[in-house]
Amino acid sequence: MWIAESESAKYWAKVLSDLKNRGIKDILIMTTDGLIGMKEAVEAIYPKAELQGCVVHVIRNGMKYVSYKDIKEFAKDIKSIYQAPISKTMIGSVIVINFVYAWNFYLWPLVVINSNSMQTAQIGLQMLMTTGATRNWGIITAGTIIVLAPVLILFFAVQNLFVQGIVTTGLKE
């Protein structure tokens, strides 16, 4: 984790350099807010990275060119971008994917937990699958259901976003 009192390209160059030293070999796409010197900082450490402007910052910067008398109407029109049906689907997808990734991540617990009684359900399930003795498929199936239950609950909670996105894809308001 990195903490700084202010944001600068020099600071981000240090962060990117630290990431490279930790083993991140390449960055495909980096989204930035247009910070001066950021392009050069990224290119110096990750020359193949593609820099993209954050759409929120692009819109905010564009609003300064709208006359004061038109700003409320312009902001109202721009608001539809954030409320587009497809954006809800994307947000739901990101939530589910990030949850599944965090839920199934078993490398970190293997590194920090040294007691078998403290292992996570995913590690316990993996241990059941790789033991040399005969496998008890009833226990493995029950363990699989326990491990999958939170993921399925989350998916069913946000599935309406997926369906709504599929139904409204390509429609114009």
Protein backbone atom coordinates (compact mmCIF):
# COMPACT_ATOMS: atom_id res chain seq x y z
CA MET A 1 0.00 0.00 0.00
CA TRP A 2 1.22 3.46 -0.85
CA ILE A 3 0.24 6.66 0.91
CA ALA A 4 1.26 10.18 -0.03
CA GLU A 5 0.24 13.66 1.02
CA SER A 6 -0.16 14.76 -2.59
CA GLU A 7 -0.39 13.14 -5.98
CA SER A 8 2.32 13.67 -8.56
CA ALA A 9 3.82 11.89 -11.55
CA LYS A 10 7.00 11.39 -9.54
CA TYR A 11 5.00 9.63 -6.81
CA TRP A 12 3.30 7.37 -9.37
CA ALA A 13 6.67 6.59 -10.99
CA LYS A 14 7.83 5.37 -7.58
CA VAL A 15 4.68 3.23 -7.17
CA LEU A 16 5.05 1.74 -10.67
CA SER A 17 8.74 1.07 -10.08
CA ASP A 18 7.86 -0.70 -6.84
CA LEU A 19 5.27 -2.82 -8.68
CA LYS A 20 7.85 -3.75 -11.30
CA ASN A 21 10.32 -4.72 -8.56
CA ARG A 22 7.62 -6.92 -6.98
CA GLY A 23 7.28 -8.88 -10.21
CA ILE A 24 4.62 -7.12 -12.32
CA LYS A 25 6.24 -7.53 -15.73
CA ASP A 26 3.82 -5.53 -17.85
CA ILE A 27 0.70 -3.40 -17.69
CA LEU A 28 -1.65 -3.61 -20.66
CA ILE A 29 -3.90 -0.59 -20.04
CA MET A 30 -3.64 2.15 -17.45
CA THR A 31 -6.42 4.64 -16.87
CA THR A 32 -5.34 8.02 -15.56
CA ASP A 33 -6.86 11.38 -14.76
CA GLY A 34 -4.55 13.37 -17.03
CA LEU A 35 -1.97 14.18 -14.35
CA ILE A 36 0.90 16.18 -15.88
CA GLY A 37 3.94 13.97 -16.45
CA MET A 38 2.01 10.73 -15.88
CA LYS A 39 2.43 9.55 -19.48
CA GLU A 40 6.21 9.88 -19.25
CA ALA A 41 6.29 8.19 -15.81
CA VAL A 42 4.34 5.19 -17.08
CA GLU A 43 6.27 4.91 -20.35
CA ALA A 44 9.60 4.98 -18.48
CA ILE A 45 8.70 1.87 -16.45
CA TYR A 46 6.11 0.10 -18.62
CA PRO A 47 6.80 1.21 -22.22
CA LYS A 48 4.16 -1.12 -23.73
CA ALA A 49 1.36 0.16 -21.50
CA GLU A 50 -1.47 2.00 -23.19
CA LEU A 51 -2.64 5.10 -21.33
CA GLN A 52 -6.32 5.98 -21.41
CA GLY A 53 -8.06 8.98 -19.95
CA CYS A 54 -10.65 8.30 -17.27
CA VAL A 55 -14.06 9.11 -18.76
CA VAL A 56 -15.20 10.77 -15.53
CA HIS A 57 -12.24 13.14 -15.59
CA VAL A 58 -12.67 13.80 -19.31
CA ILE A 59 -16.31 14.76 -18.76
CA ARG A 60 -15.46 16.93 -15.74
CA ASN A 61 -12.73 18.70 -17.67
CA GLY A 62 -15.08 19.20 -20.61
CA MET A 63 -17.67 20.82 -18.38
CA LYS A 64 -15.41 23.81 -17.78
CA TYR A 65 -15.94 24.78 -21.43
CA VAL A 66 -19.74 24.91 -21.06
CA SER A 67 -21.19 28.32 -20.40
CA TYR A 68 -22.53 28.93 -16.91
CA LYS A 69 -26.13 29.38 -18.11
CA ASP A 70 -26.06 25.96 -19.83
CA ILE A 71 -24.21 23.99 -17.17
CA LYS A 72 -27.30 22.56 -15.40
CA GLU A 73 -28.88 21.36 -18.64
CA PHE A 74 -25.56 19.93 -19.84
CA ALA A 75 -25.02 18.10 -16.53
CA LYS A 76 -28.55 16.67 -16.74
CA ASP A 77 -27.84 15.33 -20.24
CA ILE A 78 -24.47 13.88 -19.18
CA LYS A 79 -26.10 12.14 -16.21
CA SER A 80 -27.68 9.64 -18.62
CA ILE A 81 -24.21 8.22 -19.30
CA TYR A 82 -23.89 7.13 -15.69
CA GLN A 83 -27.39 5.69 -15.64
CA ALA A 84 -27.08 3.70 -18.86
CA PRO A 85 -28.50 0.17 -18.47
CA ILE A 86 -25.27 -1.42 -19.69
CA SER A 87 -23.25 0.31 -16.94
CA LYS A 88 -25.30 -1.46 -14.26
CA THR A 89 -24.53 -4.79 -15.91
CA MET A 90 -20.85 -3.97 -15.96
CA ILE A 91 -20.86 -2.98 -12.30
CA GLY A 92 -22.69 -6.19 -11.37
CA SER A 93 -20.17 -8.23 -13.35
CA VAL A 94 -17.23 -6.51 -11.67
CA ILE A 95 -18.75 -7.15 -8.24
CA VAL A 96 -19.29 -10.85 -8.91
CA ILE A 97 -15.87 -11.37 -10.52
CA ASN A 98 -14.03 -9.56 -7.72
CA PHE A 99 -15.96 -11.48 -5.07
CA VAL A 100 -15.25 -14.85 -6.72
CA TYR A 101 -11.57 -13.94 -7.05
CA ALA A 102 -11.29 -12.93 -3.38
CA TRP A 103 -13.39 -15.86 -2.18
CA ASN A 104 -11.41 -18.48 -4.09
CA PHE A 105 -7.99 -16.97 -3.41
CA TYR A 106 -6.12 -19.61 -1.46
CA LEU A 107 -2.48 -18.68 -1.99
CA TRP A 108 -2.40 -15.96 0.69
CA PRO A 109 -3.95 -18.17 3.43
CA LEU A 110 -1.39 -20.86 2.57
CA VAL A 111 1.38 -18.33 3.16
CA VAL A 112 0.16 -16.79 6.43
CA ILE A 113 -1.81 -19.56 8.17
CA ASN A 114 0.33 -22.28 9.72
CA SER A 115 -2.35 -24.27 11.56
CA ASN A 116 -4.57 -26.79 9.77
CA SER A 117 -7.48 -25.90 12.05
CA MET A 118 -7.38 -22.30 10.74
CA GLN A 119 -7.36 -23.08 6.99
CA THR A 120 -10.08 -21.68 4.74
CA ALA A 121 -12.80 -23.85 3.23
CA GLN A 122 -11.16 -23.70 -0.21
CA ILE A 123 -7.86 -25.02 1.15
CA GLY A 124 -9.64 -27.73 3.12
CA LEU A 125 -11.47 -28.81 -0.01
CA GLN A 126 -8.21 -28.89 -1.97
CA MET A 127 -6.61 -30.98 0.79
CA LEU A 128 -9.49 -33.47 0.60
CA MET A 129 -8.99 -33.77 -3.16
CA THR A 130 -5.23 -34.33 -2.98
CA THR A 131 -4.92 -36.72 -0.05
CA GLY A 132 -3.44 -40.10 -0.88
CA ALA A 133 -6.22 -42.03 0.87
CA THR A 134 -9.48 -42.97 -0.81
CA ARG A 135 -11.64 -39.95 -1.45
CA ASN A 136 -14.91 -39.52 0.38
CA TRP A 137 -17.02 -38.02 -2.38
CA GLY A 138 -19.90 -37.20 -0.03
CA ILE A 139 -17.69 -34.92 2.08
CA ILE A 140 -16.08 -33.41 -1.04
CA THR A 141 -19.51 -32.67 -2.54
CA ALA A 142 -20.74 -31.10 0.72
CA GLY A 143 -17.56 -29.01 0.90
CA THR A 144 -18.03 -27.87 -2.68
CA ILE A 145 -21.58 -26.75 -1.93
CA ILE A 146 -20.39 -24.84 1.15
CA VAL A 147 -17.65 -23.12 -0.88
CA LEU A 148 -20.00 -22.26 -3.76
CA ALA A 149 -22.98 -21.10 -1.66
CA PRO A 150 -21.82 -17.47 -1.06
CA VAL A 151 -20.89 -17.06 -4.73
CA LEU A 152 -24.28 -18.36 -5.88
CA ILE A 153 -26.12 -16.16 -3.36
CA LEU A 154 -24.28 -13.08 -4.65
CA PHE A 155 -24.92 -14.05 -8.27
CA PHE A 156 -28.64 -14.53 -7.69
CA ALA A 157 -28.75 -11.20 -5.84
CA VAL A 158 -27.38 -9.32 -8.87
CA GLN A 159 -28.62 -11.52 -11.70
CA ASN A 160 -31.34 -9.01 -12.56
CA LEU A 161 -28.55 -6.62 -13.61
CA PHE A 162 -27.23 -9.22 -16.06
CA VAL A 163 -30.68 -9.90 -17.49
CA GLN A 164 -31.47 -6.18 -17.69
CA GLY A 165 -28.20 -5.55 -19.55
CA ILE A 166 -28.87 -8.33 -22.06
CA VAL A 167 -32.44 -7.15 -22.66
CA THR A 168 -31.55 -3.48 -23.11
CA THR A 169 -28.32 -3.90 -25.07
CA GLY A 170 -28.49 -1.83 -28.23
CA LEU A 171 -31.63 0.03 -27.27
CA LYS A 172 -31.60 3.82 -27.45
CA GLU A 173 -33.65 5.94 -25.14
